[in-house]
Amino acid sequence: QVQLVESGGGLVQAGGSLRVSCVASGSTGSINAIGWYRQAPGKQRELVATISSGGTTNYADSVKGRFTISRDNAKNTVYLQMNSLKPEDTAVYYCNARAPTAWSINRNYWGQGTQVTVSS
């Protein structure tokens, strides 16, 4: 079982920066990958960035060069540094973790989300 809590969202001007954080608890040692998704009103949730237990990262094309995902294993925390923010980045940002069950089948865990609003 994994619990995720996001924080750091808020209102920022276009071109500005914001960093959101996700603190994981529970069976954190079993997490294969952790990352960020976002969902805008009326749209499906989409991948933003992920980082694996081995440190491999991947990003959505829309955020490459602007966003950076990182982690602090000692604090069980993953960060998403968002630079050069655009109004289209406005969404609820969700932390996601993938971890195996006792049956070696991965399942997804989700945080409650944190709102990021970018004004034009």
PDB file of N, CA and C in Angstrom:
ATOM      1  N   GLN A   1       0.843  -1.186   0.000  1.00  0.00           N
ATOM      2  CA  GLN A   1       0.000   0.000   0.000  1.00  0.00           C
ATOM      3  C   GLN A   1       0.887   1.247   0.000  1.00  0.00           C
ATOM      4  N   VAL A   2       0.540   2.193  -0.850  1.00  0.00           N
ATOM      5  CA  VAL A   2       1.285   3.439  -0.987  1.00  0.00           C
ATOM      6  C   VAL A   2       0.313   4.604  -0.871  1.00  0.00           C
ATOM      7  N   GLN A   3       0.715   5.609  -0.122  1.00  0.00           N
ATOM      8  CA  GLN A   3      -0.059   6.832  -0.014  1.00  0.00           C
ATOM      9  C   GLN A   3       0.754   7.984  -0.595  1.00  0.00           C
ATOM     10  N   LEU A   4       0.081   8.871  -1.302  1.00  0.00           N
ATOM     11  CA  LEU A   4       0.739   9.983  -1.971  1.00  0.00           C
ATOM     12  C   LEU A   4       0.034  11.284  -1.613  1.00  0.00           C
ATOM     13  N   VAL A   5       0.811  12.300  -1.299  1.00  0.00           N
ATOM     14  CA  VAL A   5       0.272  13.605  -0.961  1.00  0.00           C
ATOM     15  C   VAL A   5       1.015  14.670  -1.747  1.00  0.00           C
ATOM     16  N   GLU A   6       0.281  15.418  -2.571  1.00  0.00           N
ATOM     17  CA  GLU A   6       0.873  16.486  -3.371  1.00  0.00           C
ATOM     18  C   GLU A   6       0.742  17.830  -2.655  1.00  0.00           C
ATOM     19  N   SER A   7       1.631  18.741  -3.019  1.00  0.00           N
ATOM     20  CA  SER A   7       1.572  20.096  -2.506  1.00  0.00           C
ATOM     21  C   SER A   7       2.337  21.010  -3.453  1.00  0.00           C
ATOM     22  N   GLY A   8       2.174  22.302  -3.270  1.00  0.00           N
ATOM     23  CA  GLY A   8       2.953  23.271  -4.018  1.00  0.00           C
ATOM     24  C   GLY A   8       2.238  23.946  -5.161  1.00  0.00           C
ATOM     25  N   GLY A   9       1.018  23.546  -5.445  1.00  0.00           N
ATOM     26  CA  GLY A   9       0.279  24.187  -6.513  1.00  0.00           C
ATOM     27  C   GLY A   9      -0.116  25.600  -6.139  1.00  0.00           C
ATOM     28  N   GLY A  10      -0.563  26.332  -7.140  1.00  0.00           N
ATOM     29  CA  GLY A  10      -0.976  27.695  -6.899  1.00  0.00           C
ATOM     30  C   GLY A  10      -1.178  28.453  -8.183  1.00  0.00           C
ATOM     31  N   LEU A  11      -1.251  29.767  -8.059  1.00  0.00           N
ATOM     32  CA  LEU A  11      -1.439  30.661  -9.187  1.00  0.00           C
ATOM     33  C   LEU A  11      -0.111  31.295  -9.559  1.00  0.00           C
ATOM     34  N   VAL A  12       0.207  31.263 -10.841  1.00  0.00           N
ATOM     35  CA  VAL A  12       1.456  31.833 -11.316  1.00  0.00           C
ATOM     36  C   VAL A  12       1.223  32.518 -12.657  1.00  0.00           C
ATOM     37  N   GLN A  13       1.984  33.551 -12.915  1.00  0.00           N
ATOM     38  CA  GLN A  13       1.891  34.281 -14.167  1.00  0.00           C
ATOM     39  C   GLN A  13       2.574  33.507 -15.289  1.00  0.00           C
ATOM     40  N   ALA A  14       2.055  33.641 -16.499  1.00  0.00           N
ATOM     41  CA  ALA A  14       2.684  33.007 -17.649  1.00  0.00           C
ATOM     42  C   ALA A  14       4.155  33.397 -17.732  1.00  0.00           C
ATOM     43  N   GLY A  15       4.986  32.402 -17.997  1.00  0.00           N
ATOM     44  CA  GLY A  15       6.418  32.614 -18.030  1.00  0.00           C
ATOM     45  C   GLY A  15       7.099  32.386 -16.696  1.00  0.00           C
ATOM     46  N   GLY A  16       6.311  32.234 -15.664  1.00  0.00           N
ATOM     47  CA  GLY A  16       6.850  32.026 -14.340  1.00  0.00           C
ATOM     48  C   GLY A  16       7.158  30.576 -14.054  1.00  0.00           C
ATOM     49  N   SER A  17       7.515  30.311 -12.806  1.00  0.00           N
ATOM     50  CA  SER A  17       7.921  28.976 -12.389  1.00  0.00           C
ATOM     51  C   SER A  17       7.174  28.547 -11.138  1.00  0.00           C
ATOM     52  N   LEU A  18       7.091  27.251 -10.980  1.00  0.00           N
ATOM     53  CA  LEU A  18       6.439  26.669  -9.824  1.00  0.00           C
ATOM     54  C   LEU A  18       7.007  25.270  -9.613  1.00  0.00           C
ATOM     55  N   ARG A  19       7.110  24.860  -8.375  1.00  0.00           N
ATOM     56  CA  ARG A  19       7.540  23.508  -8.072  1.00  0.00           C
ATOM     57  C   ARG A  19       6.493  22.812  -7.220  1.00  0.00           C
ATOM     58  N   VAL A  20       6.042  21.662  -7.691  1.00  0.00           N
ATOM     59  CA  VAL A  20       5.113  20.854  -6.932  1.00  0.00           C
ATOM     60  C   VAL A  20       5.849  19.653  -6.357  1.00  0.00           C
ATOM     61  N   SER A  21       5.375  19.185  -5.215  1.00  0.00           N
ATOM     62  CA  SER A  21       6.019  18.097  -4.511  1.00  0.00           C
ATOM     63  C   SER A  21       5.030  16.979  -4.241  1.00  0.00           C
ATOM     64  N   CYS A  22       5.551  15.780  -4.144  1.00  0.00           N
ATOM     65  CA  CYS A  22       4.752  14.609  -3.809  1.00  0.00           C
ATOM     66  C   CYS A  22       5.508  13.786  -2.785  1.00  0.00           C
ATOM     67  N   VAL A  23       4.900  13.603  -1.631  1.00  0.00           N
ATOM     68  CA  VAL A  23       5.493  12.803  -0.572  1.00  0.00           C
ATOM     69  C   VAL A  23       4.814  11.443  -0.544  1.00  0.00           C
ATOM     70  N   ALA A  24       5.607  10.400  -0.636  1.00  0.00           N
ATOM     71  CA  ALA A  24       5.098   9.034  -0.621  1.00  0.00           C
ATOM     72  C   ALA A  24       5.318   8.400   0.745  1.00  0.00           C
ATOM     73  N   SER A  25       4.376   7.585   1.153  1.00  0.00           N
ATOM     74  CA  SER A  25       4.496   6.854   2.402  1.00  0.00           C
ATOM     75  C   SER A  25       3.919   5.456   2.217  1.00  0.00           C
ATOM     76  N   GLY A  26       4.137   4.609   3.202  1.00  0.00           N
ATOM     77  CA  GLY A  26       3.714   3.227   3.101  1.00  0.00           C
ATOM     78  C   GLY A  26       4.835   2.368   2.554  1.00  0.00           C
ATOM     79  N   SER A  27       4.507   1.503   1.621  1.00  0.00           N
ATOM     80  CA  SER A  27       5.482   0.582   1.038  1.00  0.00           C
ATOM     81  C   SER A  27       6.257   1.254  -0.089  1.00  0.00           C
ATOM     82  N   THR A  28       6.975   2.309   0.258  1.00  0.00           N
ATOM     83  CA  THR A  28       7.673   3.094  -0.759  1.00  0.00           C
ATOM     84  C   THR A  28       8.803   2.318  -1.424  1.00  0.00           C
ATOM     85  N   GLY A  29       9.355   1.350  -0.727  1.00  0.00           N
ATOM     86  CA  GLY A  29      10.434   0.570  -1.300  1.00  0.00           C
ATOM     87  C   GLY A  29      10.012  -0.288  -2.478  1.00  0.00           C
ATOM     88  N   SER A  30       8.727  -0.501  -2.621  1.00  0.00           N
ATOM     89  CA  SER A  30       8.220  -1.336  -3.698  1.00  0.00           C
ATOM     90  C   SER A  30       7.871  -0.550  -4.956  1.00  0.00           C
ATOM     91  N   ILE A  31       7.988   0.756  -4.924  1.00  0.00           N
ATOM     92  CA  ILE A  31       7.599   1.588  -6.059  1.00  0.00           C
ATOM     93  C   ILE A  31       8.554   1.385  -7.229  1.00  0.00           C
ATOM     94  N   ASN A  32       8.001   1.039  -8.371  1.00  0.00           N
ATOM     95  CA  ASN A  32       8.786   0.880  -9.593  1.00  0.00           C
ATOM     96  C   ASN A  32       9.040   2.208 -10.286  1.00  0.00           C
ATOM     97  N   ALA A  33       8.021   3.041 -10.305  1.00  0.00           N
ATOM     98  CA  ALA A  33       8.116   4.332 -10.960  1.00  0.00           C
ATOM     99  C   ALA A  33       7.158   5.295 -10.287  1.00  0.00           C
ATOM    100  N   ILE A  34       7.486   6.561 -10.351  1.00  0.00           N
ATOM    101  CA  ILE A  34       6.638   7.591  -9.778  1.00  0.00           C
ATOM    102  C   ILE A  34       6.694   8.804 -10.695  1.00  0.00           C
ATOM    103  N   GLY A  35       5.598   9.527 -10.758  1.00  0.00           N
ATOM    104  CA  GLY A  35       5.602  10.677 -11.640  1.00  0.00           C
ATOM    105  C   GLY A  35       4.370  11.541 -11.496  1.00  0.00           C
ATOM    106  N   TRP A  36       4.177  12.351 -12.509  1.00  0.00           N
ATOM    107  CA  TRP A  36       3.115  13.340 -12.498  1.00  0.00           C
ATOM    108  C   TRP A  36       2.231  13.221 -13.720  1.00  0.00           C
ATOM    109  N   TYR A  37       0.942  13.329 -13.489  1.00  0.00           N
ATOM    110  CA  TYR A  37      -0.065  13.448 -14.521  1.00  0.00           C
ATOM    111  C   TYR A  37      -0.839  14.733 -14.264  1.00  0.00           C
ATOM    112  N   ARG A  38      -1.560  15.181 -15.258  1.00  0.00           N
ATOM    113  CA  ARG A  38      -2.384  16.364 -15.067  1.00  0.00           C
ATOM    114  C   ARG A  38      -3.701  16.201 -15.808  1.00  0.00           C
ATOM    115  N   GLN A  39      -4.700  16.904 -15.329  1.00  0.00           N
ATOM    116  CA  GLN A  39      -6.016  16.842 -15.931  1.00  0.00           C
ATOM    117  C   GLN A  39      -6.647  18.223 -15.920  1.00  0.00           C
ATOM    118  N   ALA A  40      -6.954  18.712 -17.103  1.00  0.00           N
ATOM    119  CA  ALA A  40      -7.650  19.972 -17.256  1.00  0.00           C
ATOM    120  C   ALA A  40      -9.145  19.708 -17.336  1.00  0.00           C
ATOM    121  N   PRO A  41      -9.970  20.697 -17.018  1.00  0.00           N
ATOM    122  CA  PRO A  41     -11.425  20.498 -17.076  1.00  0.00           C
ATOM    123  C   PRO A  41     -11.882  20.014 -18.445  1.00  0.00           C
ATOM    124  N   GLY A  42     -12.697  18.967 -18.448  1.00  0.00           N
ATOM    125  CA  GLY A  42     -13.229  18.432 -19.684  1.00  0.00           C
ATOM    126  C   GLY A  42     -12.273  17.589 -20.493  1.00  0.00           C
ATOM    127  N   LYS A  43     -11.077  17.357 -19.984  1.00  0.00           N
ATOM    128  CA  LYS A  43     -10.090  16.570 -20.696  1.00  0.00           C
ATOM    129  C   LYS A  43      -9.660  15.362 -19.876  1.00  0.00           C
ATOM    130  N   GLN A  44      -9.110  14.377 -20.566  1.00  0.00           N
ATOM    131  CA  GLN A  44      -8.612  13.194 -19.887  1.00  0.00           C
ATOM    132  C   GLN A  44      -7.271  13.473 -19.221  1.00  0.00           C
ATOM    133  N   ARG A  45      -6.989  12.693 -18.214  1.00  0.00           N
ATOM    134  CA  ARG A  45      -5.720  12.812 -17.529  1.00  0.00           C
ATOM    135  C   ARG A  45      -4.586  12.408 -18.466  1.00  0.00           C
ATOM    136  N   GLU A  46      -3.505  13.179 -18.458  1.00  0.00           N
ATOM    137  CA  GLU A  46      -2.397  12.918 -19.351  1.00  0.00           C
ATOM    138  C   GLU A  46      -1.079  12.866 -18.592  1.00  0.00           C
ATOM    139  N   LEU A  47      -0.155  12.112 -19.147  1.00  0.00           N
ATOM    140  CA  LEU A  47       1.177  12.005 -18.572  1.00  0.00           C
ATOM    141  C   LEU A  47       1.924  13.319 -18.705  1.00  0.00           C
ATOM    142  N   VAL A  48       2.623  13.703 -17.647  1.00  0.00           N
ATOM    143  CA  VAL A  48       3.497  14.863 -17.679  1.00  0.00           C
ATOM    144  C   VAL A  48       4.956  14.418 -17.633  1.00  0.00           C
ATOM    145  N   ALA A  49       5.316  13.679 -16.603  1.00  0.00           N
ATOM    146  CA  ALA A  49       6.689  13.216 -16.438  1.00  0.00           C
ATOM    147  C   ALA A  49       6.722  12.061 -15.457  1.00  0.00           C
ATOM    148  N   THR A  50       7.656  11.143 -15.666  1.00  0.00           N
ATOM    149  CA  THR A  50       7.846  10.026 -14.748  1.00  0.00           C
ATOM    150  C   THR A  50       9.329   9.794 -14.512  1.00  0.00           C
ATOM    151  N   ILE A  51       9.630   9.153 -13.403  1.00  0.00           N
ATOM    152  CA  ILE A  51      10.990   8.744 -13.103  1.00  0.00           C
ATOM    153  C   ILE A  51      10.923   7.347 -12.499  1.00  0.00           C
ATOM    154  N   SER A  52      11.747   6.447 -13.010  1.00  0.00           N
ATOM    155  CA  SER A  52      11.749   5.072 -12.542  1.00  0.00           C
ATOM    156  C   SER A  52      12.642   4.922 -11.326  1.00  0.00           C
ATOM    157  N   SER A  53      12.577   3.745 -10.717  1.00  0.00           N
ATOM    158  CA  SER A  53      13.438   3.468  -9.577  1.00  0.00           C
ATOM    159  C   SER A  53      14.908   3.518  -9.952  1.00  0.00           C
ATOM    160  N   GLY A  54      15.210   3.279 -11.224  1.00  0.00           N
ATOM    161  CA  GLY A  54      16.571   3.352 -11.711  1.00  0.00           C
ATOM    162  C   GLY A  54      17.009   4.734 -12.146  1.00  0.00           C
ATOM    163  N   GLY A  55      16.105   5.696 -12.088  1.00  0.00           N
ATOM    164  CA  GLY A  55      16.443   7.067 -12.426  1.00  0.00           C
ATOM    165  C   GLY A  55      16.118   7.487 -13.843  1.00  0.00           C
ATOM    166  N   THR A  56      15.531   6.598 -14.624  1.00  0.00           N
ATOM    167  CA  THR A  56      15.158   6.938 -15.990  1.00  0.00           C
ATOM    168  C   THR A  56      13.954   7.866 -15.991  1.00  0.00           C
ATOM    169  N   THR A  57      14.042   8.935 -16.751  1.00  0.00           N
ATOM    170  CA  THR A  57      12.963   9.911 -16.825  1.00  0.00           C
ATOM    171  C   THR A  57      12.349   9.940 -18.213  1.00  0.00           C
ATOM    172  N   ASN A  58      11.092  10.331 -18.270  1.00  0.00           N
ATOM    173  CA  ASN A  58      10.459  10.602 -19.543  1.00  0.00           C
ATOM    174  C   ASN A  58       9.458  11.729 -19.358  1.00  0.00           C
ATOM    175  N   TYR A  59       9.250  12.477 -20.438  1.00  0.00           N
ATOM    176  CA  TYR A  59       8.411  13.657 -20.395  1.00  0.00           C
ATOM    177  C   TYR A  59       7.461  13.686 -21.573  1.00  0.00           C
ATOM    178  N   ALA A  60       6.326  14.297 -21.349  1.00  0.00           N
ATOM    179  CA  ALA A  60       5.447  14.593 -22.463  1.00  0.00           C
ATOM    180  C   ALA A  60       6.117  15.620 -23.365  1.00  0.00           C
ATOM    181  N   ASP A  61       5.870  15.507 -24.662  1.00  0.00           N
ATOM    182  CA  ASP A  61       6.490  16.434 -25.603  1.00  0.00           C
ATOM    183  C   ASP A  61       6.144  17.888 -25.282  1.00  0.00           C
ATOM    184  N   SER A  62       4.970  18.103 -24.762  1.00  0.00           N
ATOM    185  CA  SER A  62       4.512  19.453 -24.494  1.00  0.00           C
ATOM    186  C   SER A  62       5.271  20.147 -23.370  1.00  0.00           C
ATOM    187  N   VAL A  63       5.988  19.381 -22.552  1.00  0.00           N
ATOM    188  CA  VAL A  63       6.692  19.973 -21.421  1.00  0.00           C
ATOM    189  C   VAL A  63       8.200  19.805 -21.493  1.00  0.00           C
ATOM    190  N   LYS A  64       8.693  19.091 -22.486  1.00  0.00           N
ATOM    191  CA  LYS A  64      10.130  18.880 -22.608  1.00  0.00           C
ATOM    192  C   LYS A  64      10.867  20.209 -22.720  1.00  0.00           C
ATOM    193  N   GLY A  65      11.944  20.313 -21.972  1.00  0.00           N
ATOM    194  CA  GLY A  65      12.720  21.538 -21.967  1.00  0.00           C
ATOM    195  C   GLY A  65      12.230  22.575 -20.994  1.00  0.00           C
ATOM    196  N   ARG A  66      11.036  22.376 -20.450  1.00  0.00           N
ATOM    197  CA  ARG A  66      10.470  23.331 -19.503  1.00  0.00           C
ATOM    198  C   ARG A  66      10.307  22.740 -18.105  1.00  0.00           C
ATOM    199  N   PHE A  67       9.948  21.468 -18.043  1.00  0.00           N
ATOM    200  CA  PHE A  67       9.713  20.805 -16.764  1.00  0.00           C
ATOM    201  C   PHE A  67      10.844  19.838 -16.460  1.00  0.00           C
ATOM    202  N   THR A  68      11.128  19.664 -15.183  1.00  0.00           N
ATOM    203  CA  THR A  68      12.135  18.711 -14.741  1.00  0.00           C
ATOM    204  C   THR A  68      11.609  17.924 -13.555  1.00  0.00           C
ATOM    205  N   ILE A  69      11.661  16.605 -13.651  1.00  0.00           N
ATOM    206  CA  ILE A  69      11.261  15.757 -12.546  1.00  0.00           C
ATOM    207  C   ILE A  69      12.510  15.291 -11.807  1.00  0.00           C
ATOM    208  N   SER A  70      12.426  15.242 -10.499  1.00  0.00           N
ATOM    209  CA  SER A  70      13.540  14.798  -9.680  1.00  0.00           C
ATOM    210  C   SER A  70      12.994  14.118  -8.433  1.00  0.00           C
ATOM    211  N   ARG A  71      13.876  13.469  -7.708  1.00  0.00           N
ATOM    212  CA  ARG A  71      13.448  12.775  -6.502  1.00  0.00           C
ATOM    213  C   ARG A  71      14.487  12.885  -5.405  1.00  0.00           C
ATOM    214  N   ASP A  72      14.016  12.763  -4.187  1.00  0.00           N
ATOM    215  CA  ASP A  72      14.860  12.707  -3.010  1.00  0.00           C
ATOM    216  C   ASP A  72      14.435  11.454  -2.264  1.00  0.00           C
ATOM    217  N   ASN A  73      15.172  10.376  -2.471  1.00  0.00           N
ATOM    218  CA  ASN A  73      14.789   9.094  -1.889  1.00  0.00           C
ATOM    219  C   ASN A  73      14.792   9.115  -0.364  1.00  0.00           C
ATOM    220  N   ALA A  74      15.702   9.873   0.220  1.00  0.00           N
ATOM    221  CA  ALA A  74      15.779   9.950   1.671  1.00  0.00           C
ATOM    222  C   ALA A  74      14.512  10.546   2.259  1.00  0.00           C
ATOM    223  N   LYS A  75      13.870  11.426   1.508  1.00  0.00           N
ATOM    224  CA  LYS A  75      12.645  12.070   1.966  1.00  0.00           C
ATOM    225  C   LYS A  75      11.395  11.465   1.344  1.00  0.00           C
ATOM    226  N   ASN A  76      11.574  10.421   0.527  1.00  0.00           N
ATOM    227  CA  ASN A  76      10.454   9.790  -0.179  1.00  0.00           C
ATOM    228  C   ASN A  76       9.622  10.825  -0.929  1.00  0.00           C
ATOM    229  N   THR A  77      10.306  11.723  -1.590  1.00  0.00           N
ATOM    230  CA  THR A  77       9.650  12.846  -2.241  1.00  0.00           C
ATOM    231  C   THR A  77      10.079  12.964  -3.695  1.00  0.00           C
ATOM    232  N   VAL A  78       9.126  13.243  -4.549  1.00  0.00           N
ATOM    233  CA  VAL A  78       9.402  13.530  -5.944  1.00  0.00           C
ATOM    234  C   VAL A  78       8.938  14.953  -6.231  1.00  0.00           C
ATOM    235  N   TYR A  79       9.698  15.653  -7.056  1.00  0.00           N
ATOM    236  CA  TYR A  79       9.414  17.035  -7.371  1.00  0.00           C
ATOM    237  C   TYR A  79       9.193  17.207  -8.866  1.00  0.00           C
ATOM    238  N   LEU A  80       8.414  18.193  -9.196  1.00  0.00           N
ATOM    239  CA  LEU A  80       8.271  18.610 -10.583  1.00  0.00           C
ATOM    240  C   LEU A  80       8.520  20.113 -10.639  1.00  0.00           C
ATOM    241  N   GLN A  81       9.667  20.484 -11.190  1.00  0.00           N
ATOM    242  CA  GLN A  81       9.998  21.884 -11.382  1.00  0.00           C
ATOM    243  C   GLN A  81       9.435  22.328 -12.718  1.00  0.00           C
ATOM    244  N   MET A  82       8.571  23.312 -12.690  1.00  0.00           N
ATOM    245  CA  MET A  82       7.900  23.782 -13.886  1.00  0.00           C
ATOM    246  C   MET A  82       8.351  25.204 -14.188  1.00  0.00           C
ATOM    247  N   ASN A  83       9.014  25.374 -15.308  1.00  0.00           N
ATOM    248  CA  ASN A  83       9.498  26.672 -15.747  1.00  0.00           C
ATOM    249  C   ASN A  83       8.795  27.084 -17.031  1.00  0.00           C
ATOM    250  N   SER A  84       8.882  28.360 -17.345  1.00  0.00           N
ATOM    251  CA  SER A  84       8.280  28.901 -18.561  1.00  0.00           C
ATOM    252  C   SER A  84       6.831  28.452 -18.708  1.00  0.00           C
ATOM    253  N   LEU A  85       6.089  28.586 -17.644  1.00  0.00           N
ATOM    254  CA  LEU A  85       4.716  28.095 -17.625  1.00  0.00           C
ATOM    255  C   LEU A  85       3.833  28.843 -18.615  1.00  0.00           C
ATOM    256  N   LYS A  86       2.910  28.096 -19.190  1.00  0.00           N
ATOM    257  CA  LYS A  86       1.963  28.612 -20.157  1.00  0.00           C
ATOM    258  C   LYS A  86       0.548  28.422 -19.636  1.00  0.00           C
ATOM    259  N   PRO A  87      -0.394  29.230 -20.108  1.00  0.00           N
ATOM    260  CA  PRO A  87      -1.782  29.043 -19.673  1.00  0.00           C
ATOM    261  C   PRO A  87      -2.301  27.630 -19.920  1.00  0.00           C
ATOM    262  N   GLU A  88      -1.848  26.989 -20.977  1.00  0.00           N
ATOM    263  CA  GLU A  88      -2.295  25.636 -21.265  1.00  0.00           C
ATOM    264  C   GLU A  88      -1.761  24.596 -20.291  1.00  0.00           C
ATOM    265  N   ASP A  89      -0.846  24.997 -19.417  1.00  0.00           N
ATOM    266  CA  ASP A  89      -0.385  24.109 -18.359  1.00  0.00           C
ATOM    267  C   ASP A  89      -1.358  24.061 -17.191  1.00  0.00           C
ATOM    268  N   THR A  90      -2.350  24.913 -17.203  1.00  0.00           N
ATOM    269  CA  THR A  90      -3.333  24.949 -16.129  1.00  0.00           C
ATOM    270  C   THR A  90      -4.065  23.615 -16.031  1.00  0.00           C
ATOM    271  N   ALA A  91      -4.028  23.014 -14.858  1.00  0.00           N
ATOM    272  CA  ALA A  91      -4.644  21.711 -14.648  1.00  0.00           C
ATOM    273  C   ALA A  91      -4.489  21.324 -13.188  1.00  0.00           C
ATOM    274  N   VAL A  92      -5.163  20.261 -12.816  1.00  0.00           N
ATOM    275  CA  VAL A  92      -4.890  19.616 -11.545  1.00  0.00           C
ATOM    276  C   VAL A  92      -3.770  18.618 -11.786  1.00  0.00           C
ATOM    277  N   TYR A  93      -2.719  18.729 -11.020  1.00  0.00           N
ATOM    278  CA  TYR A  93      -1.569  17.855 -11.169  1.00  0.00           C
ATOM    279  C   TYR A  93      -1.623  16.754 -10.123  1.00  0.00           C
ATOM    280  N   TYR A  94      -1.537  15.517 -10.593  1.00  0.00           N
ATOM    281  CA  TYR A  94      -1.648  14.347  -9.730  1.00  0.00           C
ATOM    282  C   TYR A  94      -0.335  13.580  -9.675  1.00  0.00           C
ATOM    283  N   CYS A  95       0.023  13.181  -8.496  1.00  0.00           N
ATOM    284  CA  CYS A  95       1.158  12.289  -8.314  1.00  0.00           C
ATOM    285  C   CYS A  95       0.693  10.857  -8.525  1.00  0.00           C
ATOM    286  N   ASN A  96       1.520  10.062  -9.172  1.00  0.00           N
ATOM    287  CA  ASN A  96       1.198   8.672  -9.463  1.00  0.00           C
ATOM    288  C   ASN A  96       2.389   7.784  -9.136  1.00  0.00           C
ATOM    289  N   ALA A  97       2.107   6.647  -8.536  1.00  0.00           N
ATOM    290  CA  ALA A  97       3.153   5.667  -8.246  1.00  0.00           C
ATOM    291  C   ALA A  97       2.691   4.296  -8.684  1.00  0.00           C
ATOM    292  N   ARG A  98       3.623   3.524  -9.200  1.00  0.00           N
ATOM    293  CA  ARG A  98       3.345   2.160  -9.612  1.00  0.00           C
ATOM    294  C   ARG A  98       4.112   1.208  -8.714  1.00  0.00           C
ATOM    295  N   ALA A  99       3.408   0.236  -8.163  1.00  0.00           N
ATOM    296  CA  ALA A  99       4.024  -0.709  -7.247  1.00  0.00           C
ATOM    297  C   ALA A  99       3.376  -2.073  -7.403  1.00  0.00           C
ATOM    298  N   PRO A 100       4.136  -3.140  -7.225  1.00  0.00           N
ATOM    299  CA  PRO A 100       3.572  -4.477  -7.381  1.00  0.00           C
ATOM    300  C   PRO A 100       2.766  -4.907  -6.171  1.00  0.00           C
ATOM    301  N   THR A 101       1.803  -5.762  -6.433  1.00  0.00           N
ATOM    302  CA  THR A 101       1.068  -6.426  -5.372  1.00  0.00           C
ATOM    303  C   THR A 101       1.811  -7.701  -4.993  1.00  0.00           C
ATOM    304  N   ALA A 102       1.253  -8.453  -4.052  1.00  0.00           N
ATOM    305  CA  ALA A 102       1.853  -9.723  -3.669  1.00  0.00           C
ATOM    306  C   ALA A 102       1.841 -10.726  -4.812  1.00  0.00           C
ATOM    307  N   TRP A 103       1.025 -10.475  -5.823  1.00  0.00           N
ATOM    308  CA  TRP A 103       0.922 -11.360  -6.985  1.00  0.00           C
ATOM    309  C   TRP A 103       1.828 -10.916  -8.122  1.00  0.00           C
ATOM    310  N   SER A 104       2.717  -9.975  -7.841  1.00  0.00           N
ATOM    311  CA  SER A 104       3.647  -9.439  -8.839  1.00  0.00           C
ATOM    312  C   SER A 104       2.929  -8.752  -9.986  1.00  0.00           C
ATOM    313  N   ILE A 105       1.789  -8.209  -9.705  1.00  0.00           N
ATOM    314  CA  ILE A 105       1.032  -7.434 -10.675  1.00  0.00           C
ATOM    315  C   ILE A 105       1.051  -5.974 -10.231  1.00  0.00           C
ATOM    316  N   ASN A 106       1.502  -5.103 -11.108  1.00  0.00           N
ATOM    317  CA  ASN A 106       1.589  -3.694 -10.763  1.00  0.00           C
ATOM    318  C   ASN A 106       0.213  -3.051 -10.638  1.00  0.00           C
ATOM    319  N   ARG A 107       0.102  -2.143  -9.701  1.00  0.00           N
ATOM    320  CA  ARG A 107      -1.094  -1.331  -9.580  1.00  0.00           C
ATOM    321  C   ARG A 107      -0.680   0.127  -9.407  1.00  0.00           C
ATOM    322  N   ASN A 108      -1.574   1.007  -9.733  1.00  0.00           N
ATOM    323  CA  ASN A 108      -1.317   2.439  -9.656  1.00  0.00           C
ATOM    324  C   ASN A 108      -1.932   3.045  -8.404  1.00  0.00           C
ATOM    325  N   TYR A 109      -1.176   3.953  -7.803  1.00  0.00           N
ATOM    326  CA  TYR A 109      -1.642   4.724  -6.666  1.00  0.00           C
ATOM    327  C   TYR A 109      -1.660   6.196  -7.054  1.00  0.00           C
ATOM    328  N   TRP A 110      -2.633   6.914  -6.547  1.00  0.00           N
ATOM    329  CA  TRP A 110      -2.815   8.318  -6.904  1.00  0.00           C
ATOM    330  C   TRP A 110      -2.935   9.201  -5.684  1.00  0.00           C
ATOM    331  N   GLY A 111      -2.405  10.401  -5.800  1.00  0.00           N
ATOM    332  CA  GLY A 111      -2.610  11.409  -4.790  1.00  0.00           C
ATOM    333  C   GLY A 111      -3.910  12.149  -5.037  1.00  0.00           C
ATOM    334  N   GLN A 112      -4.184  13.129  -4.203  1.00  0.00           N
ATOM    335  CA  GLN A 112      -5.443  13.868  -4.295  1.00  0.00           C
ATOM    336  C   GLN A 112      -5.400  14.984  -5.332  1.00  0.00           C
ATOM    337  N   GLY A 113      -4.224  15.346  -5.775  1.00  0.00           N
ATOM    338  CA  GLY A 113      -4.063  16.387  -6.769  1.00  0.00           C
ATOM    339  C   GLY A 113      -3.808  17.752  -6.169  1.00  0.00           C
ATOM    340  N   THR A 114      -3.112  18.588  -6.923  1.00  0.00           N
ATOM    341  CA  THR A 114      -2.875  19.969  -6.526  1.00  0.00           C
ATOM    342  C   THR A 114      -3.105  20.857  -7.745  1.00  0.00           C
ATOM    343  N   GLN A 115      -3.830  21.937  -7.540  1.00  0.00           N
ATOM    344  CA  GLN A 115      -4.224  22.812  -8.640  1.00  0.00           C
ATOM    345  C   GLN A 115      -3.092  23.743  -9.031  1.00  0.00           C
ATOM    346  N   VAL A 116      -2.812  23.792 -10.326  1.00  0.00           N
ATOM    347  CA  VAL A 116      -1.863  24.744 -10.885  1.00  0.00           C
ATOM    348  C   VAL A 116      -2.609  25.609 -11.890  1.00  0.00           C
ATOM    349  N   THR A 117      -2.594  26.897 -11.672  1.00  0.00           N
ATOM    350  CA  THR A 117      -3.269  27.829 -12.559  1.00  0.00           C
ATOM    351  C   THR A 117      -2.268  28.845 -13.084  1.00  0.00           C
ATOM    352  N   VAL A 118      -2.197  28.961 -14.397  1.00  0.00           N
ATOM    353  CA  VAL A 118      -1.268  29.885 -15.041  1.00  0.00           C
ATOM    354  C   VAL A 118      -2.077  30.977 -15.723  1.00  0.00           C
ATOM    355  N   SER A 119      -1.873  32.196 -15.309  1.00  0.00           N
ATOM    356  CA  SER A 119      -2.600  33.323 -15.876  1.00  0.00           C
ATOM    357  C   SER A 119      -1.847  33.892 -17.070  1.00  0.00           C
ATOM    358  N   SER A 120      -2.588  34.392 -18.039  1.00  0.00           N
ATOM    359  CA  SER A 120      -1.992  34.960 -19.237  1.00  0.00           C
ATOM    360  C   SER A 120      -1.742  36.445 -19.078  1.00  0.00           C
TER     361      SER A 120
END
